[in-house]
Amino acid sequence: MAFFEIQDLSEEATWPYPSYDDSLSFEGNKLRTAIALANEQIQNYSLEHPESRGMGTTVVAALVVGDKLIIGHVGDSRAYLYSGNQLSVLTMDHSWVSEQVRLGFLTEEEAAHHPFRNVITKALGTRDQAQADVLEMDVAVGDRVLLCSDGLNSMAAEEDIARTLARRESLEATCHSLVELANQKGGEDNVTVILLERQA
């Protein structure tokens, strides 16, 4: 699984690779470096296996250190925070439509139905440097962090995701419910869901 690969790579991370960012914690730099190493491994695999040339993948990864949550991502896989009955998107998609929304050329509604909505602008394995965006924040007891592929958020509305999280089922049951939700809404893509909860 990709999770264990990123975890293994974070343990191998040394500097300077690609460079140390003083605006991030040591752990934030370690996560960014692990993702950069994963990118390098995917590229090397493609070079050694011609049938895999051009392959790429998105990634969203979380590292929890005490009260601190560190998120790293490349592509359009997302991280959400569910806190105080509110759902917030923590990541910004690396996609053509998201860039157009940020520039004011498309609305969120137009982006959701645009023919280029699946065009991503950054992915692992597709370029030498696919530097991850890294976010660091504090999390409170009871907060839930959802990591998912676009197979969930491209199918299910955020209100439906929030309603599912609000039921406060076990983490495993909630993950099953979210996958089922995406499938009920059309299930046009693979759905990967990971859910974390900050314990006391």
C-alpha atoms as a PDB file:
ATOM      1  CA  MET A   1       0.000   0.000   0.000  1.00  0.00           C
ATOM      2  CA  ALA A   2       1.121   3.552  -0.730  1.00  0.00           C
ATOM      3  CA  PHE A   3       0.782   4.498   2.947  1.00  0.00           C
ATOM      4  CA  PHE A   4       3.505   2.095   4.007  1.00  0.00           C
ATOM      5  CA  GLU A   5       5.711   3.166   1.082  1.00  0.00           C
ATOM      6  CA  ILE A   6       5.498   6.838   2.120  1.00  0.00           C
ATOM      7  CA  GLN A   7       6.112   5.846   5.753  1.00  0.00           C
ATOM      8  CA  ASP A   8       9.218   3.863   4.767  1.00  0.00           C
ATOM      9  CA  LEU A   9      10.493   6.716   2.605  1.00  0.00           C
ATOM     10  CA  SER A  10       9.988   9.261   5.399  1.00  0.00           C
ATOM     11  CA  GLU A  11      12.321   7.162   7.553  1.00  0.00           C
ATOM     12  CA  GLU A  12      14.958   7.284   4.772  1.00  0.00           C
ATOM     13  CA  ALA A  13      14.684  11.054   4.270  1.00  0.00           C
ATOM     14  CA  THR A  14      17.927  13.009   4.607  1.00  0.00           C
ATOM     15  CA  TRP A  15      18.880  16.548   3.584  1.00  0.00           C
ATOM     16  CA  PRO A  16      19.580  18.316   1.390  1.00  0.00           C
ATOM     17  CA  TYR A  17      16.815  16.593  -0.612  1.00  0.00           C
ATOM     18  CA  PRO A  18      15.365  18.481  -2.361  1.00  0.00           C
ATOM     19  CA  SER A  19      15.985  21.304   0.136  1.00  0.00           C
ATOM     20  CA  TYR A  20      15.090  22.139   3.702  1.00  0.00           C
ATOM     21  CA  ASP A  21      12.193  24.593   4.037  1.00  0.00           C
ATOM     22  CA  ASP A  22      12.625  26.737   7.162  1.00  0.00           C
ATOM     23  CA  SER A  23       8.911  27.631   7.121  1.00  0.00           C
ATOM     24  CA  LEU A  24       8.072  23.975   7.896  1.00  0.00           C
ATOM     25  CA  SER A  25       8.828  21.843  10.925  1.00  0.00           C
ATOM     26  CA  PHE A  26      11.364  19.022  10.760  1.00  0.00           C
ATOM     27  CA  GLU A  27       8.458  16.560  10.378  1.00  0.00           C
ATOM     28  CA  GLY A  28       6.880  18.672   7.614  1.00  0.00           C
ATOM     29  CA  ASN A  29      10.157  18.621   5.707  1.00  0.00           C
ATOM     30  CA  LYS A  30      10.407  14.882   6.255  1.00  0.00           C
ATOM     31  CA  LEU A  31       6.941  14.288   4.775  1.00  0.00           C
ATOM     32  CA  ARG A  32       7.660  16.526   1.764  1.00  0.00           C
ATOM     33  CA  THR A  33      10.941  14.686   1.183  1.00  0.00           C
ATOM     34  CA  ALA A  34       9.260  11.270   1.446  1.00  0.00           C
ATOM     35  CA  ILE A  35       6.804  12.320  -1.278  1.00  0.00           C
ATOM     36  CA  ALA A  36       9.704  13.598  -3.430  1.00  0.00           C
ATOM     37  CA  LEU A  37      11.451  10.229  -3.002  1.00  0.00           C
ATOM     38  CA  ALA A  38       8.244   8.428  -4.012  1.00  0.00           C
ATOM     39  CA  ASN A  39       8.127  10.598  -7.146  1.00  0.00           C
ATOM     40  CA  GLU A  40      11.715   9.618  -7.940  1.00  0.00           C
ATOM     41  CA  GLN A  41      10.980   5.912  -7.484  1.00  0.00           C
ATOM     42  CA  ILE A  42       7.944   6.065  -9.783  1.00  0.00           C
ATOM     43  CA  GLN A  43      10.024   7.812 -12.453  1.00  0.00           C
ATOM     44  CA  ASN A  44      12.817   5.245 -12.146  1.00  0.00           C
ATOM     45  CA  TYR A  45      10.304   2.404 -12.452  1.00  0.00           C
ATOM     46  CA  SER A  46       8.890   3.987 -15.621  1.00  0.00           C
ATOM     47  CA  LEU A  47      12.369   4.229 -17.131  1.00  0.00           C
ATOM     48  CA  GLU A  48      13.071   0.561 -16.381  1.00  0.00           C
ATOM     49  CA  HIS A  49       9.647  -0.634 -17.606  1.00  0.00           C
ATOM     50  CA  PRO A  50       8.793   0.956 -20.982  1.00  0.00           C
ATOM     51  CA  GLU A  51       5.218  -0.353 -20.821  1.00  0.00           C
ATOM     52  CA  SER A  52       4.698   1.902 -17.787  1.00  0.00           C
ATOM     53  CA  ARG A  53       6.024   5.102 -19.354  1.00  0.00           C
ATOM     54  CA  GLY A  54       3.829   8.090 -18.627  1.00  0.00           C
ATOM     55  CA  MET A  55       2.212   6.567 -15.564  1.00  0.00           C
ATOM     56  CA  GLY A  56       1.494   8.884 -12.673  1.00  0.00           C
ATOM     57  CA  THR A  57      -0.459   9.027  -9.454  1.00  0.00           C
ATOM     58  CA  THR A  58      -1.792  11.492  -6.936  1.00  0.00           C
ATOM     59  CA  VAL A  59      -1.000  11.374  -3.236  1.00  0.00           C
ATOM     60  CA  VAL A  60      -2.378  12.770  -0.014  1.00  0.00           C
ATOM     61  CA  ALA A  61      -0.596  11.805   3.191  1.00  0.00           C
ATOM     62  CA  ALA A  62      -0.966  12.723   6.850  1.00  0.00           C
ATOM     63  CA  LEU A  63       1.543  12.699   9.659  1.00  0.00           C
ATOM     64  CA  VAL A  64       0.359  13.221  13.232  1.00  0.00           C
ATOM     65  CA  VAL A  65       2.881  14.457  15.797  1.00  0.00           C
ATOM     66  CA  GLY A  66       1.293  15.095  19.187  1.00  0.00           C
ATOM     67  CA  ASP A  67      -1.396  17.741  18.668  1.00  0.00           C
ATOM     68  CA  LYS A  68      -0.033  18.635  15.231  1.00  0.00           C
ATOM     69  CA  LEU A  69      -1.401  17.390  11.917  1.00  0.00           C
ATOM     70  CA  ILE A  70       0.855  17.585   8.856  1.00  0.00           C
ATOM     71  CA  ILE A  71      -0.697  17.065   5.411  1.00  0.00           C
ATOM     72  CA  GLY A  72       1.254  16.645   2.175  1.00  0.00           C
ATOM     73  CA  HIS A  73      -0.381  16.312  -1.220  1.00  0.00           C
ATOM     74  CA  VAL A  74       0.195  16.287  -4.970  1.00  0.00           C
ATOM     75  CA  GLY A  75      -2.702  16.139  -7.433  1.00  0.00           C
ATOM     76  CA  ASP A  76      -6.418  16.080  -6.717  1.00  0.00           C
ATOM     77  CA  SER A  77      -6.641  13.638  -3.830  1.00  0.00           C
ATOM     78  CA  ARG A  78      -7.945  15.597  -0.852  1.00  0.00           C
ATOM     79  CA  ALA A  79      -7.714  16.032   2.895  1.00  0.00           C
ATOM     80  CA  TYR A  80     -10.710  17.248   4.898  1.00  0.00           C
ATOM     81  CA  LEU A  81     -11.058  18.253   8.547  1.00  0.00           C
ATOM     82  CA  TYR A  82     -14.308  17.483  10.358  1.00  0.00           C
ATOM     83  CA  SER A  83     -14.336  19.575  13.528  1.00  0.00           C
ATOM     84  CA  GLY A  84     -17.222  21.013  15.548  1.00  0.00           C
ATOM     85  CA  ASN A  85     -19.753  19.577  13.071  1.00  0.00           C
ATOM     86  CA  GLN A  86     -18.081  21.527  10.236  1.00  0.00           C
ATOM     87  CA  LEU A  87     -16.337  20.008   7.209  1.00  0.00           C
ATOM     88  CA  SER A  88     -13.394  21.959   5.752  1.00  0.00           C
ATOM     89  CA  VAL A  89     -11.220  21.163   2.738  1.00  0.00           C
ATOM     90  CA  LEU A  90      -7.563  21.344   3.788  1.00  0.00           C
ATOM     91  CA  THR A  91      -5.952  20.882   0.362  1.00  0.00           C
ATOM     92  CA  MET A  92      -6.212  22.745  -2.939  1.00  0.00           C
ATOM     93  CA  ASP A  93      -6.529  20.475  -5.973  1.00  0.00           C
ATOM     94  CA  HIS A  94      -3.706  20.603  -8.489  1.00  0.00           C
ATOM     95  CA  SER A  95      -6.135  20.592 -11.401  1.00  0.00           C
ATOM     96  CA  TRP A  96      -6.931  22.783 -14.378  1.00  0.00           C
ATOM     97  CA  VAL A  97     -10.444  23.617 -13.195  1.00  0.00           C
ATOM     98  CA  SER A  98      -9.266  24.488  -9.671  1.00  0.00           C
ATOM     99  CA  GLU A  99      -6.752  26.928 -11.123  1.00  0.00           C
ATOM    100  CA  GLN A 100      -9.512  28.512 -13.218  1.00  0.00           C
ATOM    101  CA  VAL A 101     -11.708  28.849 -10.106  1.00  0.00           C
ATOM    102  CA  ARG A 102      -8.842  30.480  -8.167  1.00  0.00           C
ATOM    103  CA  LEU A 103      -8.284  32.908 -11.057  1.00  0.00           C
ATOM    104  CA  GLY A 104     -11.997  33.750 -11.178  1.00  0.00           C
ATOM    105  CA  PHE A 105     -12.639  32.310 -14.647  1.00  0.00           C
ATOM    106  CA  LEU A 106     -14.937  29.498 -13.452  1.00  0.00           C
ATOM    107  CA  THR A 107     -17.371  29.091 -10.585  1.00  0.00           C
ATOM    108  CA  GLU A 108     -17.290  25.986  -8.376  1.00  0.00           C
ATOM    109  CA  GLU A 109     -20.509  24.826 -10.061  1.00  0.00           C
ATOM    110  CA  GLU A 110     -19.052  25.288 -13.562  1.00  0.00           C
ATOM    111  CA  ALA A 111     -15.849  23.484 -12.525  1.00  0.00           C
ATOM    112  CA  ALA A 112     -17.817  20.476 -11.250  1.00  0.00           C
ATOM    113  CA  HIS A 113     -19.299  19.871 -14.731  1.00  0.00           C
ATOM    114  CA  HIS A 114     -16.491  21.166 -16.951  1.00  0.00           C
ATOM    115  CA  PRO A 115     -15.150  18.722 -19.597  1.00  0.00           C
ATOM    116  CA  PHE A 116     -11.603  19.332 -18.253  1.00  0.00           C
ATOM    117  CA  ARG A 117     -12.539  18.620 -14.617  1.00  0.00           C
ATOM    118  CA  ASN A 118     -10.336  15.492 -14.548  1.00  0.00           C
ATOM    119  CA  VAL A 119      -7.217  17.207 -15.930  1.00  0.00           C
ATOM    120  CA  ILE A 120      -4.615  17.421 -13.173  1.00  0.00           C
ATOM    121  CA  THR A 121      -1.664  19.824 -13.339  1.00  0.00           C
ATOM    122  CA  LYS A 122       0.668  17.978 -10.983  1.00  0.00           C
ATOM    123  CA  ALA A 123       1.166  14.269 -10.252  1.00  0.00           C
ATOM    124  CA  LEU A 124       3.855  11.943  -8.979  1.00  0.00           C
ATOM    125  CA  GLY A 125       5.903  10.287 -11.705  1.00  0.00           C
ATOM    126  CA  THR A 126       5.237  12.856 -14.414  1.00  0.00           C
ATOM    127  CA  ARG A 127       8.077  15.320 -13.833  1.00  0.00           C
ATOM    128  CA  ASP A 128      11.453  15.534 -12.098  1.00  0.00           C
ATOM    129  CA  GLN A 129      10.175  17.835  -9.380  1.00  0.00           C
ATOM    130  CA  ALA A 130       6.599  17.357  -8.186  1.00  0.00           C
ATOM    131  CA  GLN A 131       6.969  19.195  -4.891  1.00  0.00           C
ATOM    132  CA  ALA A 132       4.173  18.493  -2.457  1.00  0.00           C
ATOM    133  CA  ASP A 133       2.123  21.225  -0.845  1.00  0.00           C
ATOM    134  CA  VAL A 134       2.498  20.816   2.924  1.00  0.00           C
ATOM    135  CA  LEU A 135       0.118  22.144   5.578  1.00  0.00           C
ATOM    136  CA  GLU A 136       0.693  22.053   9.332  1.00  0.00           C
ATOM    137  CA  MET A 137      -2.035  22.698  11.888  1.00  0.00           C
ATOM    138  CA  ASP A 138      -3.203  21.791  15.373  1.00  0.00           C
ATOM    139  CA  VAL A 139      -6.062  19.337  15.841  1.00  0.00           C
ATOM    140  CA  ALA A 140      -8.371  19.020  18.840  1.00  0.00           C
ATOM    141  CA  VAL A 141      -9.670  15.932  20.603  1.00  0.00           C
ATOM    142  CA  GLY A 142     -12.544  14.466  18.577  1.00  0.00           C
ATOM    143  CA  ASP A 143     -11.462  16.053  15.289  1.00  0.00           C
ATOM    144  CA  ARG A 144     -11.597  13.710  12.316  1.00  0.00           C
ATOM    145  CA  VAL A 145      -9.307  13.930   9.301  1.00  0.00           C
ATOM    146  CA  LEU A 146     -10.468  12.400   6.026  1.00  0.00           C
ATOM    147  CA  LEU A 147      -8.010  11.541   3.252  1.00  0.00           C
ATOM    148  CA  CYS A 148      -9.588  10.470  -0.028  1.00  0.00           C
ATOM    149  CA  SER A 149      -9.083  10.006  -3.729  1.00  0.00           C
ATOM    150  CA  ASP A 150     -11.205  12.065  -6.110  1.00  0.00           C
ATOM    151  CA  GLY A 151     -13.415   9.009  -6.524  1.00  0.00           C
ATOM    152  CA  LEU A 152     -15.201  10.231  -3.387  1.00  0.00           C
ATOM    153  CA  ASN A 153     -15.341  14.016  -3.730  1.00  0.00           C
ATOM    154  CA  SER A 154     -16.077  13.954  -7.475  1.00  0.00           C
ATOM    155  CA  MET A 155     -19.191  11.871  -6.805  1.00  0.00           C
ATOM    156  CA  ALA A 156     -20.474  12.960  -3.385  1.00  0.00           C
ATOM    157  CA  ALA A 157     -21.366  16.506  -2.355  1.00  0.00           C
ATOM    158  CA  GLU A 158     -19.568  17.915   0.674  1.00  0.00           C
ATOM    159  CA  GLU A 159     -22.887  18.145   2.544  1.00  0.00           C
ATOM    160  CA  ASP A 160     -23.361  14.385   2.082  1.00  0.00           C
ATOM    161  CA  ILE A 161     -19.803  13.675   3.235  1.00  0.00           C
ATOM    162  CA  ALA A 162     -20.357  15.887   6.302  1.00  0.00           C
ATOM    163  CA  ARG A 163     -23.649  14.136   7.091  1.00  0.00           C
ATOM    164  CA  THR A 164     -21.913  10.760   6.955  1.00  0.00           C
ATOM    165  CA  LEU A 165     -19.150  11.943   9.292  1.00  0.00           C
ATOM    166  CA  ALA A 166     -21.717  13.483  11.657  1.00  0.00           C
ATOM    167  CA  ARG A 167     -23.175  10.035  12.401  1.00  0.00           C
ATOM    168  CA  ARG A 168     -20.042   9.317  14.445  1.00  0.00           C
ATOM    169  CA  GLU A 169     -19.875   5.656  13.511  1.00  0.00           C
ATOM    170  CA  SER A 170     -16.601   3.822  14.108  1.00  0.00           C
ATOM    171  CA  LEU A 171     -13.769   4.838  11.785  1.00  0.00           C
ATOM    172  CA  GLU A 172     -14.046   1.591   9.819  1.00  0.00           C
ATOM    173  CA  ALA A 173     -17.842   1.820   9.498  1.00  0.00           C
ATOM    174  CA  THR A 174     -17.596   5.461   8.406  1.00  0.00           C
ATOM    175  CA  CYS A 175     -15.070   4.561   5.694  1.00  0.00           C
ATOM    176  CA  HIS A 176     -17.415   1.857   4.388  1.00  0.00           C
ATOM    177  CA  SER A 177     -20.311   4.350   4.440  1.00  0.00           C
ATOM    178  CA  LEU A 178     -18.305   6.922   2.459  1.00  0.00           C
ATOM    179  CA  VAL A 179     -17.331   4.367  -0.202  1.00  0.00           C
ATOM    180  CA  GLU A 180     -20.959   3.260  -0.414  1.00  0.00           C
ATOM    181  CA  LEU A 181     -22.036   6.906  -0.735  1.00  0.00           C
ATOM    182  CA  ALA A 182     -19.695   7.454  -3.700  1.00  0.00           C
ATOM    183  CA  ASN A 183     -20.937   4.268  -5.370  1.00  0.00           C
ATOM    184  CA  GLN A 184     -24.581   5.265  -4.856  1.00  0.00           C
ATOM    185  CA  LYS A 185     -23.853   8.615  -6.516  1.00  0.00           C
ATOM    186  CA  GLY A 186     -22.479   6.952  -9.641  1.00  0.00           C
ATOM    187  CA  GLY A 187     -19.140   5.429  -8.635  1.00  0.00           C
ATOM    188  CA  GLU A 188     -17.322   6.420 -11.835  1.00  0.00           C
ATOM    189  CA  ASP A 189     -13.838   6.088 -10.310  1.00  0.00           C
ATOM    190  CA  ASN A 190     -11.959   4.034  -7.741  1.00  0.00           C
ATOM    191  CA  VAL A 191     -12.593   5.256  -4.197  1.00  0.00           C
ATOM    192  CA  THR A 192      -9.902   5.291  -1.530  1.00  0.00           C
ATOM    193  CA  VAL A 193     -10.762   6.582   1.948  1.00  0.00           C
ATOM    194  CA  ILE A 194      -8.675   6.872   5.124  1.00  0.00           C
ATOM    195  CA  LEU A 195     -10.115   8.360   8.309  1.00  0.00           C
ATOM    196  CA  LEU A 196      -8.203   9.475  11.412  1.00  0.00           C
ATOM    197  CA  GLU A 197      -9.557  10.718  14.728  1.00  0.00           C
ATOM    198  CA  ARG A 198      -7.663  12.632  17.413  1.00  0.00           C
ATOM    199  CA  GLN A 199      -8.039  10.753  20.688  1.00  0.00           C
ATOM    200  CA  ALA A 200      -7.757  12.236  24.187  1.00  0.00           C
END
